[in-house]
Amino acid sequence: LLFALPRNILVNTHKKKPSITLRHIQTTRLLCECELYATSNYEYDSEMKEVMENFNRQTSERFLEYDEKIQDKRKQCKEQ
């Protein structure tokens, strides 16, 4: 009789759902064009124009380097 009560408690605790509930937080990412960030706002700003030109130049150089590396790797794979 003394052991029946603790055993009953253990059996009932396994049937319960966990008390911690996980909530799924949905994140949304939206792309929008705001007039605040439009390129027309930077056309007359010489500093920003220079930064944009520098960025475009560097990215185009990186893409060219990447294309050259990919072509070299393709040649190596074909030769094997």
PDB file of N, CA and C in Angstrom:
ATOM      1  N   LEU A   1       0.817  -1.195   0.000  1.00  0.00           N
ATOM      2  CA  LEU A   1       0.000   0.000   0.000  1.00  0.00           C
ATOM      3  C   LEU A   1       0.865   1.265   0.000  1.00  0.00           C
ATOM      4  N   LEU A   2       2.001   1.235   0.666  1.00  0.00           N
ATOM      5  CA  LEU A   2       2.877   2.403   0.697  1.00  0.00           C
ATOM      6  C   LEU A   2       3.570   2.622  -0.641  1.00  0.00           C
ATOM      7  N   PHE A   3       3.858   1.552  -1.355  1.00  0.00           N
ATOM      8  CA  PHE A   3       4.554   1.691  -2.627  1.00  0.00           C
ATOM      9  C   PHE A   3       3.603   2.017  -3.776  1.00  0.00           C
ATOM     10  N   ALA A   4       2.330   1.807  -3.603  1.00  0.00           N
ATOM     11  CA  ALA A   4       1.364   2.043  -4.671  1.00  0.00           C
ATOM     12  C   ALA A   4       1.227   3.530  -4.978  1.00  0.00           C
ATOM     13  N   LEU A   5       1.254   4.362  -3.999  1.00  0.00           N
ATOM     14  CA  LEU A   5       1.094   5.797  -4.207  1.00  0.00           C
ATOM     15  C   LEU A   5       2.262   6.406  -4.990  1.00  0.00           C
ATOM     16  N   PRO A   6       3.533   6.180  -4.612  1.00  0.00           N
ATOM     17  CA  PRO A   6       4.630   6.756  -5.396  1.00  0.00           C
ATOM     18  C   PRO A   6       4.670   6.224  -6.824  1.00  0.00           C
ATOM     19  N   ARG A   7       4.351   4.948  -7.002  1.00  0.00           N
ATOM     20  CA  ARG A   7       4.360   4.380  -8.344  1.00  0.00           C
ATOM     21  C   ARG A   7       3.282   5.038  -9.204  1.00  0.00           C
ATOM     22  N   ASN A   8       2.153   5.297  -8.623  1.00  0.00           N
ATOM     23  CA  ASN A   8       1.068   5.946  -9.326  1.00  0.00           C
ATOM     24  C   ASN A   8       1.462   7.371  -9.743  1.00  0.00           C
ATOM     25  N   ILE A   9       2.186   8.071  -8.906  1.00  0.00           N
ATOM     26  CA  ILE A   9       2.640   9.428  -9.224  1.00  0.00           C
ATOM     27  C   ILE A   9       3.603   9.394 -10.401  1.00  0.00           C
ATOM     28  N   LEU A  10       4.529   8.446 -10.405  1.00  0.00           N
ATOM     29  CA  LEU A  10       5.488   8.344 -11.497  1.00  0.00           C
ATOM     30  C   LEU A  10       4.805   8.024 -12.816  1.00  0.00           C
ATOM     31  N   VAL A  11       3.821   7.181 -12.797  1.00  0.00           N
ATOM     32  CA  VAL A  11       3.114   6.820 -14.024  1.00  0.00           C
ATOM     33  C   VAL A  11       2.363   8.022 -14.572  1.00  0.00           C
ATOM     34  N   ASN A  12       1.740   8.779 -13.727  1.00  0.00           N
ATOM     35  CA  ASN A  12       0.958   9.926 -14.181  1.00  0.00           C
ATOM     36  C   ASN A  12       1.827  11.079 -14.676  1.00  0.00           C
ATOM     37  N   THR A  13       3.023  11.238 -14.156  1.00  0.00           N
ATOM     38  CA  THR A  13       3.865  12.345 -14.585  1.00  0.00           C
ATOM     39  C   THR A  13       4.384  12.132 -15.995  1.00  0.00           C
ATOM     40  N   HIS A  14       4.531  10.898 -16.443  1.00  0.00           N
ATOM     41  CA  HIS A  14       5.021  10.646 -17.792  1.00  0.00           C
ATOM     42  C   HIS A  14       3.953  10.914 -18.839  1.00  0.00           C
ATOM     43  N   LYS A  15       2.715  10.890 -18.465  1.00  0.00           N
ATOM     44  CA  LYS A  15       1.636  11.095 -19.421  1.00  0.00           C
ATOM     45  C   LYS A  15       1.401  12.566 -19.726  1.00  0.00           C
ATOM     46  N   LYS A  16       1.827  13.428 -18.860  1.00  0.00           N
ATOM     47  CA  LYS A  16       1.571  14.853 -19.047  1.00  0.00           C
ATOM     48  C   LYS A  16       2.468  15.414 -20.144  1.00  0.00           C
ATOM     49  N   LYS A  17       1.970  16.422 -20.793  1.00  0.00           N
ATOM     50  CA  LYS A  17       2.757  17.116 -21.806  1.00  0.00           C
ATOM     51  C   LYS A  17       3.781  18.000 -21.105  1.00  0.00           C
ATOM     52  N   PRO A  18       4.890  18.271 -21.760  1.00  0.00           N
ATOM     53  CA  PRO A  18       5.885  19.143 -21.122  1.00  0.00           C
ATOM     54  C   PRO A  18       5.314  20.538 -20.892  1.00  0.00           C
ATOM     55  N   SER A  19       5.746  21.127 -19.807  1.00  0.00           N
ATOM     56  CA  SER A  19       5.217  22.444 -19.445  1.00  0.00           C
ATOM     57  C   SER A  19       5.818  23.556 -20.300  1.00  0.00           C
ATOM     58  N   ILE A  20       6.926  23.271 -20.958  1.00  0.00           N
ATOM     59  CA  ILE A  20       7.566  24.280 -21.793  1.00  0.00           C
ATOM     60  C   ILE A  20       6.995  24.168 -23.198  1.00  0.00           C
ATOM     61  N   THR A  21       6.429  25.234 -23.680  1.00  0.00           N
ATOM     62  CA  THR A  21       5.909  25.241 -25.043  1.00  0.00           C
ATOM     63  C   THR A  21       6.789  26.150 -25.881  1.00  0.00           C
ATOM     64  N   LEU A  22       7.206  25.634 -27.011  1.00  0.00           N
ATOM     65  CA  LEU A  22       8.051  26.400 -27.905  1.00  0.00           C
ATOM     66  C   LEU A  22       7.172  27.157 -28.889  1.00  0.00           C
ATOM     67  N   ARG A  23       7.436  28.402 -29.030  1.00  0.00           N
ATOM     68  CA  ARG A  23       6.684  29.222 -29.972  1.00  0.00           C
ATOM     69  C   ARG A  23       7.537  29.492 -31.195  1.00  0.00           C
ATOM     70  N   HIS A  24       6.927  29.348 -32.340  1.00  0.00           N
ATOM     71  CA  HIS A  24       7.619  29.655 -33.589  1.00  0.00           C
ATOM     72  C   HIS A  24       7.428  31.132 -33.896  1.00  0.00           C
ATOM     73  N   ILE A  25       8.519  31.844 -33.941  1.00  0.00           N
ATOM     74  CA  ILE A  25       8.467  33.266 -34.246  1.00  0.00           C
ATOM     75  C   ILE A  25       8.770  33.431 -35.726  1.00  0.00           C
ATOM     76  N   GLN A  26       7.798  33.920 -36.445  1.00  0.00           N
ATOM     77  CA  GLN A  26       7.963  34.078 -37.875  1.00  0.00           C
ATOM     78  C   GLN A  26       8.676  35.393 -38.159  1.00  0.00           C
ATOM     79  N   THR A  27       9.732  35.305 -38.949  1.00  0.00           N
ATOM     80  CA  THR A  27      10.451  36.507 -39.333  1.00  0.00           C
ATOM     81  C   THR A  27      10.151  36.789 -40.795  1.00  0.00           C
ATOM     82  N   THR A  28       9.925  38.015 -41.101  1.00  0.00           N
ATOM     83  CA  THR A  28       9.663  38.393 -42.485  1.00  0.00           C
ATOM     84  C   THR A  28      10.715  39.387 -42.922  1.00  0.00           C
ATOM     85  N   ARG A  29      11.136  39.213 -44.144  1.00  0.00           N
ATOM     86  CA  ARG A  29      12.102  40.136 -44.723  1.00  0.00           C
ATOM     87  C   ARG A  29      11.463  40.749 -45.960  1.00  0.00           C
ATOM     88  N   LEU A  30      11.438  42.028 -45.987  1.00  0.00           N
ATOM     89  CA  LEU A  30      10.824  42.721 -47.102  1.00  0.00           C
ATOM     90  C   LEU A  30      11.844  43.648 -47.741  1.00  0.00           C
ATOM     91  N   LEU A  31      11.853  43.640 -49.047  1.00  0.00           N
ATOM     92  CA  LEU A  31      12.687  44.576 -49.782  1.00  0.00           C
ATOM     93  C   LEU A  31      11.792  45.701 -50.276  1.00  0.00           C
ATOM     94  N   CYS A  32      12.181  46.899 -49.993  1.00  0.00           N
ATOM     95  CA  CYS A  32      11.367  48.017 -50.461  1.00  0.00           C
ATOM     96  C   CYS A  32      12.287  49.117 -50.959  1.00  0.00           C
ATOM     97  N   GLU A  33      11.809  49.833 -51.922  1.00  0.00           N
ATOM     98  CA  GLU A  33      12.548  50.981 -52.421  1.00  0.00           C
ATOM     99  C   GLU A  33      11.981  52.218 -51.771  1.00  0.00           C
ATOM    100  N   CYS A  34      12.788  52.853 -50.996  1.00  0.00           N
ATOM    101  CA  CYS A  34      12.371  54.091 -50.353  1.00  0.00           C
ATOM    102  C   CYS A  34      13.049  55.248 -51.070  1.00  0.00           C
ATOM    103  N   GLU A  35      12.394  56.359 -51.110  1.00  0.00           N
ATOM    104  CA  GLU A  35      12.998  57.523 -51.744  1.00  0.00           C
ATOM    105  C   GLU A  35      14.212  58.001 -50.968  1.00  0.00           C
ATOM    106  N   LEU A  36      14.249  57.632 -49.704  1.00  0.00           N
ATOM    107  CA  LEU A  36      15.382  58.017 -48.871  1.00  0.00           C
ATOM    108  C   LEU A  36      16.681  57.421 -49.405  1.00  0.00           C
ATOM    109  N   TYR A  37      16.609  56.177 -49.920  1.00  0.00           N
ATOM    110  CA  TYR A  37      17.800  55.481 -50.382  1.00  0.00           C
ATOM    111  C   TYR A  37      17.894  55.434 -51.901  1.00  0.00           C
ATOM    112  N   ALA A  38      17.109  56.180 -52.590  1.00  0.00           N
ATOM    113  CA  ALA A  38      17.141  56.177 -54.053  1.00  0.00           C
ATOM    114  C   ALA A  38      18.470  56.749 -54.532  1.00  0.00           C
ATOM    115  N   THR A  39      18.926  56.258 -55.681  1.00  0.00           N
ATOM    116  CA  THR A  39      20.218  56.725 -56.198  1.00  0.00           C
ATOM    117  C   THR A  39      20.163  58.185 -56.612  1.00  0.00           C
ATOM    118  N   SER A  40      18.974  58.684 -56.915  1.00  0.00           N
ATOM    119  CA  SER A  40      18.876  60.093 -57.321  1.00  0.00           C
ATOM    120  C   SER A  40      19.303  61.032 -56.195  1.00  0.00           C
ATOM    121  N   ASN A  41      19.187  60.588 -54.967  1.00  0.00           N
ATOM    122  CA  ASN A  41      19.614  61.423 -53.842  1.00  0.00           C
ATOM    123  C   ASN A  41      21.129  61.547 -53.763  1.00  0.00           C
ATOM    124  N   TYR A  42      21.845  60.599 -54.366  1.00  0.00           N
ATOM    125  CA  TYR A  42      23.302  60.599 -54.279  1.00  0.00           C
ATOM    126  C   TYR A  42      23.973  61.133 -55.535  1.00  0.00           C
ATOM    127  N   GLU A  43      23.205  61.471 -56.547  1.00  0.00           N
ATOM    128  CA  GLU A  43      23.806  61.904 -57.807  1.00  0.00           C
ATOM    129  C   GLU A  43      24.637  63.169 -57.649  1.00  0.00           C
ATOM    130  N   TYR A  44      24.215  64.049 -56.780  1.00  0.00           N
ATOM    131  CA  TYR A  44      24.911  65.323 -56.634  1.00  0.00           C
ATOM    132  C   TYR A  44      25.879  65.326 -55.460  1.00  0.00           C
ATOM    133  N   ASP A  45      25.969  64.223 -54.757  1.00  0.00           N
ATOM    134  CA  ASP A  45      26.899  64.108 -53.638  1.00  0.00           C
ATOM    135  C   ASP A  45      28.182  63.484 -54.169  1.00  0.00           C
ATOM    136  N   SER A  46      29.225  64.277 -54.278  1.00  0.00           N
ATOM    137  CA  SER A  46      30.462  63.805 -54.900  1.00  0.00           C
ATOM    138  C   SER A  46      31.116  62.690 -54.093  1.00  0.00           C
ATOM    139  N   GLU A  47      31.041  62.775 -52.771  1.00  0.00           N
ATOM    140  CA  GLU A  47      31.636  61.733 -51.928  1.00  0.00           C
ATOM    141  C   GLU A  47      30.943  60.396 -52.140  1.00  0.00           C
ATOM    142  N   MET A  48      29.628  60.439 -52.137  1.00  0.00           N
ATOM    143  CA  MET A  48      28.864  59.207 -52.295  1.00  0.00           C
ATOM    144  C   MET A  48      29.024  58.645 -53.696  1.00  0.00           C
ATOM    145  N   LYS A  49      29.112  59.511 -54.673  1.00  0.00           N
ATOM    146  CA  LYS A  49      29.313  59.068 -56.053  1.00  0.00           C
ATOM    147  C   LYS A  49      30.646  58.331 -56.174  1.00  0.00           C
ATOM    148  N   GLU A  50      31.661  58.852 -55.525  1.00  0.00           N
ATOM    149  CA  GLU A  50      32.979  58.215 -55.539  1.00  0.00           C
ATOM    150  C   GLU A  50      32.931  56.849 -54.851  1.00  0.00           C
ATOM    151  N   VAL A  51      32.225  56.772 -53.741  1.00  0.00           N
ATOM    152  CA  VAL A  51      32.089  55.503 -53.022  1.00  0.00           C
ATOM    153  C   VAL A  51      31.378  54.475 -53.893  1.00  0.00           C
ATOM    154  N   MET A  52      30.319  54.894 -54.567  1.00  0.00           N
ATOM    155  CA  MET A  52      29.567  53.975 -55.425  1.00  0.00           C
ATOM    156  C   MET A  52      30.410  53.501 -56.605  1.00  0.00           C
ATOM    157  N   GLU A  53      31.159  54.399 -57.208  1.00  0.00           N
ATOM    158  CA  GLU A  53      32.031  54.016 -58.326  1.00  0.00           C
ATOM    159  C   GLU A  53      33.106  53.046 -57.861  1.00  0.00           C
ATOM    160  N   ASN A  54      33.681  53.304 -56.698  1.00  0.00           N
ATOM    161  CA  ASN A  54      34.701  52.423 -56.141  1.00  0.00           C
ATOM    162  C   ASN A  54      34.123  51.036 -55.871  1.00  0.00           C
ATOM    163  N   PHE A  55      32.933  50.990 -55.303  1.00  0.00           N
ATOM    164  CA  PHE A  55      32.272  49.715 -55.030  1.00  0.00           C
ATOM    165  C   PHE A  55      32.018  48.949 -56.327  1.00  0.00           C
ATOM    166  N   ASN A  56      31.492  49.633 -57.334  1.00  0.00           N
ATOM    167  CA  ASN A  56      31.218  48.978 -58.616  1.00  0.00           C
ATOM    168  C   ASN A  56      32.498  48.451 -59.260  1.00  0.00           C
ATOM    169  N   ARG A  57      33.561  49.227 -59.183  1.00  0.00           N
ATOM    170  CA  ARG A  57      34.838  48.801 -59.761  1.00  0.00           C
ATOM    171  C   ARG A  57      35.370  47.557 -59.050  1.00  0.00           C
ATOM    172  N   GLN A  58      35.340  47.577 -57.710  1.00  0.00           N
ATOM    173  CA  GLN A  58      35.862  46.444 -56.943  1.00  0.00           C
ATOM    174  C   GLN A  58      35.033  45.183 -57.164  1.00  0.00           C
ATOM    175  N   THR A  59      33.730  45.317 -57.211  1.00  0.00           N
ATOM    176  CA  THR A  59      32.897  44.124 -57.418  1.00  0.00           C
ATOM    177  C   THR A  59      33.086  43.561 -58.814  1.00  0.00           C
ATOM    178  N   SER A  60      33.219  44.414 -59.809  1.00  0.00           N
ATOM    179  CA  SER A  60      33.435  43.898 -61.164  1.00  0.00           C
ATOM    180  C   SER A  60      34.787  43.191 -61.260  1.00  0.00           C
ATOM    181  N   GLU A  61      35.813  43.723 -60.576  1.00  0.00           N
ATOM    182  CA  GLU A  61      37.117  43.050 -60.554  1.00  0.00           C
ATOM    183  C   GLU A  61      37.009  41.679 -59.887  1.00  0.00           C
ATOM    184  N   ARG A  62      36.281  41.613 -58.792  1.00  0.00           N
ATOM    185  CA  ARG A  62      36.121  40.334 -58.091  1.00  0.00           C
ATOM    186  C   ARG A  62      35.394  39.320 -58.957  1.00  0.00           C
ATOM    187  N   PHE A  63      34.368  39.769 -59.681  1.00  0.00           N
ATOM    188  CA  PHE A  63      33.652  38.847 -60.557  1.00  0.00           C
ATOM    189  C   PHE A  63      34.540  38.350 -61.689  1.00  0.00           C
ATOM    190  N   LEU A  64      35.371  39.216 -62.224  1.00  0.00           N
ATOM    191  CA  LEU A  64      36.295  38.788 -63.273  1.00  0.00           C
ATOM    192  C   LEU A  64      37.291  37.760 -62.736  1.00  0.00           C
ATOM    193  N   GLU A  65      37.828  38.012 -61.552  1.00  0.00           N
ATOM    194  CA  GLU A  65      38.751  37.053 -60.939  1.00  0.00           C
ATOM    195  C   GLU A  65      38.061  35.721 -60.684  1.00  0.00           C
ATOM    196  N   TYR A  66      36.842  35.778 -60.226  1.00  0.00           N
ATOM    197  CA  TYR A  66      36.083  34.553 -59.964  1.00  0.00           C
ATOM    198  C   TYR A  66      35.856  33.778 -61.257  1.00  0.00           C
ATOM    199  N   ASP A  67      35.489  34.474 -62.323  1.00  0.00           N
ATOM    200  CA  ASP A  67      35.275  33.808 -63.613  1.00  0.00           C
ATOM    201  C   ASP A  67      36.552  33.134 -64.103  1.00  0.00           C
ATOM    202  N   GLU A  68      37.686  33.810 -63.941  1.00  0.00           N
ATOM    203  CA  GLU A  68      38.961  33.224 -64.357  1.00  0.00           C
ATOM    204  C   GLU A  68      39.272  31.963 -63.558  1.00  0.00           C
ATOM    205  N   LYS A  69      39.045  32.006 -62.254  1.00  0.00           N
ATOM    206  CA  LYS A  69      39.301  30.831 -61.418  1.00  0.00           C
ATOM    207  C   LYS A  69      38.404  29.670 -61.807  1.00  0.00           C
ATOM    208  N   ILE A  70      37.144  29.958 -62.074  1.00  0.00           N
ATOM    209  CA  ILE A  70      36.205  28.900 -62.462  1.00  0.00           C
ATOM    210  C   ILE A  70      36.619  28.287 -63.791  1.00  0.00           C
ATOM    211  N   GLN A  71      37.025  29.107 -64.740  1.00  0.00           N
ATOM    212  CA  GLN A  71      37.461  28.580 -66.036  1.00  0.00           C
ATOM    213  C   GLN A  71      38.696  27.698 -65.879  1.00  0.00           C
ATOM    214  N   ASP A  72      39.633  28.124 -65.034  1.00  0.00           N
ATOM    215  CA  ASP A  72      40.827  27.313 -64.788  1.00  0.00           C
ATOM    216  C   ASP A  72      40.462  25.972 -64.155  1.00  0.00           C
ATOM    217  N   LYS A  73      39.560  25.994 -63.198  1.00  0.00           N
ATOM    218  CA  LYS A  73      39.152  24.748 -62.544  1.00  0.00           C
ATOM    219  C   LYS A  73      38.436  23.823 -63.518  1.00  0.00           C
ATOM    220  N   ARG A  74      37.634  24.381 -64.398  1.00  0.00           N
ATOM    221  CA  ARG A  74      36.941  23.555 -65.397  1.00  0.00           C
ATOM    222  C   ARG A  74      37.934  22.906 -66.348  1.00  0.00           C
ATOM    223  N   LYS A  75      38.958  23.672 -66.747  1.00  0.00           N
ATOM    224  CA  LYS A  75      39.990  23.109 -67.621  1.00  0.00           C
ATOM    225  C   LYS A  75      40.718  21.964 -66.924  1.00  0.00           C
ATOM    226  N   GLN A  76      41.039  22.155 -65.642  1.00  0.00           N
ATOM    227  CA  GLN A  76      41.735  21.112 -64.889  1.00  0.00           C
ATOM    228  C   GLN A  76      40.877  19.861 -64.772  1.00  0.00           C
ATOM    229  N   CYS A  77      39.594  20.042 -64.558  1.00  0.00           N
ATOM    230  CA  CYS A  77      38.699  18.883 -64.437  1.00  0.00           C
ATOM    231  C   CYS A  77      38.568  18.151 -65.763  1.00  0.00           C
ATOM    232  N   LYS A  78      38.537  18.877 -66.870  1.00  0.00           N
ATOM    233  CA  LYS A  78      38.425  18.248 -68.189  1.00  0.00           C
ATOM    234  C   LYS A  78      39.692  17.479 -68.536  1.00  0.00           C
ATOM    235  N   GLU A  79      40.843  17.992 -68.106  1.00  0.00           N
ATOM    236  CA  GLU A  79      42.115  17.346 -68.406  1.00  0.00           C
ATOM    237  C   GLU A  79      42.296  16.047 -67.635  1.00  0.00           C
ATOM    238  N   GLN A  80      41.650  15.922 -66.501  1.00  0.00           N
ATOM    239  CA  GLN A  80      41.842  14.717 -65.684  1.00  0.00           C
ATOM    240  C   GLN A  80      41.121  13.566 -66.227  1.00  0.00           C
TER     241      GLN A  80
END
